[in-house]
Amino acid sequence: MDDAKEGDAHANRADEAPLPFRAAVEALRAARLRPQVEIEPVPPPKRLAPFAYALEAAVVDGEQDLADGRLVLLHDPAGHDAWRGTFRLVTLVRAELEPEMAADPLLPEVCWSWLTGALQARGLTYGEPSGTVTRASSHYFGGLAARPAASQIEIRASWTPREGLGGVPDAGAHLAAWSDLLAQVAGLPPAGPGDASVVTLPQRRGPQSR
């Protein structure tokens, strides 16, 4: 079974899940994102929570993937002490960047602020945020010496969305905020006039195979 079919199978099983989780999944499916963000359901992790739904996305510009990531919605109806709630969002975001930008000592703090800022810009309330920002550089030698040095930034994070009426979080708004982060890391210009002061990463020099 390929990822798309397996993702659909998991989506179908989500129809048997508790109503709050089903409502949150429907909100994810209904969210409208900027056109450069291509998104699809994928098989979720099986051991993190009784119920899970996962999405994978890429920011695409022509033939280039400028950034990619995964967002997972977890739900435990009994609650989870570490989450301080019954829902949790877990994400991974990756993008390549210029080596000069990767050398900036403030880059990890800036990238983390992009995540929290994206949530705040959407007016979202959340708790228990945690995560890491990792930057890595690759330099090539010998038979690979012709390749330019490559650097990558990776954001791994999780947070607990505030639950609204019926114990349902505004999952669609959290997905929209996450896509804002993904686009920002990809180096896309701000989506709206209110975001004119946002600083983004410069776009990568070369395409990434998909």
Protein backbone atom coordinates (compact mmCIF):
# COMPACT_ATOMS: atom_id res chain seq x y z
CA MET A 1 0.00 0.00 0.00
CA ASP A 2 1.48 3.36 -1.00
CA ASP A 3 1.53 6.39 1.33
CA ALA A 4 -1.52 8.07 -0.24
CA LYS A 5 -3.69 4.93 -0.01
CA GLU A 6 -2.47 4.14 3.50
CA GLY A 7 -3.13 7.75 4.51
CA ASP A 8 -6.69 7.43 3.18
CA ALA A 9 -7.13 4.20 5.12
CA HIS A 10 -6.08 5.93 8.34
CA ALA A 11 -8.41 8.80 7.48
CA ASN A 12 -11.27 6.33 7.09
CA ARG A 13 -10.50 4.76 10.47
CA ALA A 14 -10.60 8.26 11.95
CA ASP A 15 -14.36 8.19 11.30
CA GLU A 16 -14.59 5.64 14.13
CA ALA A 17 -12.73 7.89 16.56
CA PRO A 18 -14.29 10.11 19.29
CA LEU A 19 -16.28 13.09 18.05
CA PRO A 20 -13.74 15.77 19.17
CA PHE A 21 -10.98 14.06 17.20
CA ARG A 22 -13.19 13.60 14.15
CA ALA A 23 -14.14 17.29 14.28
CA ALA A 24 -10.49 18.32 14.54
CA VAL A 25 -9.57 16.13 11.56
CA GLU A 26 -12.39 17.63 9.49
CA ALA A 27 -11.06 21.09 10.35
CA LEU A 28 -7.64 20.06 9.06
CA ARG A 29 -9.15 18.76 5.85
CA ALA A 30 -11.13 21.95 5.32
CA ALA A 31 -8.28 24.41 5.96
CA ARG A 32 -7.36 26.66 3.03
CA LEU A 33 -3.65 27.33 2.60
CA ARG A 34 -1.60 29.51 0.30
CA PRO A 35 -1.23 27.94 -3.17
CA GLN A 36 2.51 27.27 -2.90
CA VAL A 37 1.89 24.77 -0.07
CA GLU A 38 1.11 21.28 -1.37
CA ILE A 39 -0.30 19.03 1.33
CA GLU A 40 -1.57 15.47 1.64
CA PRO A 41 -2.44 12.94 4.37
CA VAL A 42 0.17 10.33 5.25
CA PRO A 43 0.22 7.37 7.66
CA PRO A 44 0.38 8.69 11.23
CA PRO A 45 2.58 7.29 14.01
CA LYS A 46 0.92 4.39 15.79
CA ARG A 47 2.31 4.52 19.33
CA LEU A 48 2.25 8.17 20.38
CA ALA A 49 -1.48 8.36 21.16
CA PRO A 50 -4.67 6.31 20.79
CA PHE A 51 -5.70 8.48 17.82
CA ALA A 52 -3.50 10.31 15.33
CA TYR A 53 -3.77 12.05 11.97
CA ALA A 54 -0.79 13.20 9.92
CA LEU A 55 -0.22 15.60 7.05
CA GLU A 56 2.87 16.10 4.93
CA ALA A 57 3.51 19.34 3.05
CA ALA A 58 6.01 20.93 0.72
CA VAL A 59 6.45 24.54 -0.33
CA VAL A 60 6.79 24.39 -4.10
CA ASP A 61 8.08 27.02 -6.53
CA GLY A 62 8.09 25.63 -10.07
CA GLU A 63 10.23 22.49 -9.96
CA GLN A 64 11.82 23.38 -6.60
CA ASP A 65 10.77 22.19 -3.17
CA LEU A 66 11.84 25.11 -0.99
CA ALA A 67 10.85 23.48 2.31
CA ASP A 68 8.97 20.46 3.56
CA GLY A 69 7.48 19.23 6.78
CA ARG A 70 5.01 17.06 8.61
CA LEU A 71 2.27 17.95 11.09
CA VAL A 72 0.72 15.29 13.33
CA LEU A 73 -2.43 15.70 15.39
CA LEU A 74 -2.50 13.43 18.46
CA HIS A 75 -5.51 12.74 20.68
CA ASP A 76 -5.83 10.88 23.95
CA PRO A 77 -9.41 11.11 25.32
CA ALA A 78 -8.13 10.28 28.81
CA GLY A 79 -5.78 13.25 28.77
CA HIS A 80 -2.02 13.33 29.03
CA ASP A 81 -0.09 14.78 31.97
CA ALA A 82 2.78 16.08 29.84
CA TRP A 83 0.39 17.69 27.33
CA ARG A 84 -1.95 19.15 29.97
CA GLY A 85 -4.78 18.41 27.58
CA THR A 86 -6.23 15.75 25.33
CA PHE A 87 -4.71 17.00 22.05
CA ARG A 88 -1.14 17.60 20.95
CA LEU A 89 0.36 18.89 17.71
CA VAL A 90 3.79 17.62 16.66
CA THR A 91 5.75 19.03 13.75
CA LEU A 92 8.91 18.74 11.72
CA VAL A 93 9.93 21.51 9.28
CA ARG A 94 13.05 21.45 7.09
CA ALA A 95 14.63 23.76 4.54
CA GLU A 96 17.99 24.30 2.92
CA LEU A 97 19.63 27.70 3.22
CA GLU A 98 22.73 29.63 2.34
CA PRO A 99 25.79 28.66 4.43
CA GLU A 100 26.21 32.29 5.48
CA MET A 101 22.72 32.28 6.99
CA ALA A 102 23.40 28.95 8.71
CA ALA A 103 26.43 30.52 10.42
CA ASP A 104 24.31 33.20 12.12
CA PRO A 105 24.53 32.46 15.87
CA LEU A 106 21.00 33.80 16.42
CA LEU A 107 19.39 31.57 13.78
CA PRO A 108 17.97 28.94 16.21
CA GLU A 109 16.31 31.58 18.38
CA VAL A 110 14.93 33.34 15.29
CA CYS A 111 13.48 30.13 13.86
CA TRP A 112 11.82 29.25 17.17
CA SER A 113 10.32 32.74 17.31
CA TRP A 114 8.87 32.16 13.84
CA LEU A 115 6.89 29.20 15.20
CA THR A 116 5.54 31.03 18.23
CA GLY A 117 4.98 34.16 16.16
CA ALA A 118 2.98 32.24 13.54
CA LEU A 119 0.66 30.90 16.25
CA GLN A 120 0.28 34.29 17.89
CA ALA A 121 -0.39 36.01 14.55
CA ARG A 122 -3.40 33.73 14.11
CA GLY A 123 -4.62 34.60 17.61
CA LEU A 124 -4.14 31.04 18.83
CA THR A 125 -3.80 30.04 22.46
CA TYR A 126 -1.57 27.07 23.23
CA GLY A 127 0.42 25.55 26.05
CA GLU A 128 3.43 23.39 26.92
CA PRO A 129 5.51 24.25 23.83
CA SER A 130 8.76 22.35 23.40
CA GLY A 131 11.17 21.60 20.62
CA THR A 132 14.57 21.89 19.00
CA VAL A 133 16.12 23.86 16.16
CA THR A 134 18.99 22.07 14.43
CA ARG A 135 21.28 23.37 11.72
CA ALA A 136 23.63 21.15 9.76
CA SER A 137 26.22 21.81 7.06
CA SER A 138 27.65 19.42 4.46
CA HIS A 139 30.97 19.96 2.69
CA TYR A 140 32.00 17.74 -0.21
CA PHE A 141 35.45 16.35 -1.03
CA GLY A 142 37.20 14.10 -3.51
CA GLY A 143 34.89 12.98 -6.29
CA LEU A 144 32.15 15.18 -4.85
CA ALA A 145 34.27 18.30 -4.52
CA ALA A 146 32.42 20.06 -7.35
CA ARG A 147 29.26 20.22 -5.26
CA PRO A 148 28.72 23.45 -3.34
CA ALA A 149 28.47 23.30 0.44
CA ALA A 150 24.92 22.76 1.64
CA SER A 151 23.23 23.79 4.87
CA GLN A 152 19.89 22.83 6.33
CA ILE A 153 17.68 24.06 9.14
CA GLU A 154 15.33 21.69 10.94
CA ILE A 155 12.62 22.63 13.42
CA ARG A 156 11.05 19.93 15.59
CA ALA A 157 8.33 21.11 17.93
CA SER A 158 5.15 20.19 19.74
CA TRP A 159 2.47 22.16 21.57
CA THR A 160 -0.96 21.70 23.13
CA PRO A 161 -3.75 23.58 21.34
CA ARG A 162 -6.42 25.16 23.51
CA GLU A 163 -9.63 23.15 23.40
CA GLY A 164 -12.83 25.03 22.62
CA LEU A 165 -16.49 24.04 22.77
CA GLY A 166 -16.96 20.30 22.98
CA GLY A 167 -13.28 19.84 23.73
CA VAL A 168 -12.34 20.53 20.10
CA PRO A 169 -9.26 22.64 19.24
CA ASP A 170 -9.22 25.00 16.27
CA ALA A 171 -7.09 22.57 14.30
CA GLY A 172 -7.61 24.33 10.99
CA ALA A 173 -6.18 27.59 12.34
CA HIS A 174 -3.20 25.73 13.79
CA LEU A 175 -2.59 24.14 10.38
CA ALA A 176 -2.76 27.58 8.75
CA ALA A 177 -0.23 28.93 11.27
CA TRP A 178 2.02 25.95 10.62
CA SER A 179 1.84 26.56 6.87
CA ASP A 180 2.79 30.19 7.54
CA LEU A 181 5.89 28.91 9.33
CA LEU A 182 6.66 26.52 6.49
CA ALA A 183 6.39 29.31 3.91
CA GLN A 184 8.48 31.64 6.04
CA VAL A 185 11.26 29.09 6.42
CA ALA A 186 11.10 28.53 2.65
CA GLY A 187 11.85 32.19 2.05
CA LEU A 188 8.50 33.11 0.47
CA PRO A 189 7.38 36.74 0.70
CA PRO A 190 4.73 37.56 3.34
CA ALA A 191 1.22 36.45 2.41
CA GLY A 192 -0.53 39.58 3.68
CA PRO A 193 0.13 43.31 4.05
CA GLY A 194 0.17 42.98 7.82
CA ASP A 195 3.24 40.75 7.60
CA ALA A 196 5.50 43.22 5.80
CA SER A 197 8.02 43.29 8.64
CA VAL A 198 8.53 39.52 8.69
CA VAL A 199 12.09 38.37 7.94
CA THR A 200 12.40 35.18 5.90
CA LEU A 201 15.24 32.90 4.93
CA PRO A 202 16.67 33.50 1.46
CA GLN A 203 15.55 30.90 -1.04
CA ARG A 204 17.87 28.04 -1.84
CA ARG A 205 20.23 28.22 -4.77
CA GLY A 206 19.31 24.88 -6.32
CA PRO A 207 16.30 22.56 -6.58
CA GLN A 208 15.71 19.64 -4.25
CA SER A 209 14.54 16.41 -5.81
CA ARG A 210 11.07 15.41 -4.73
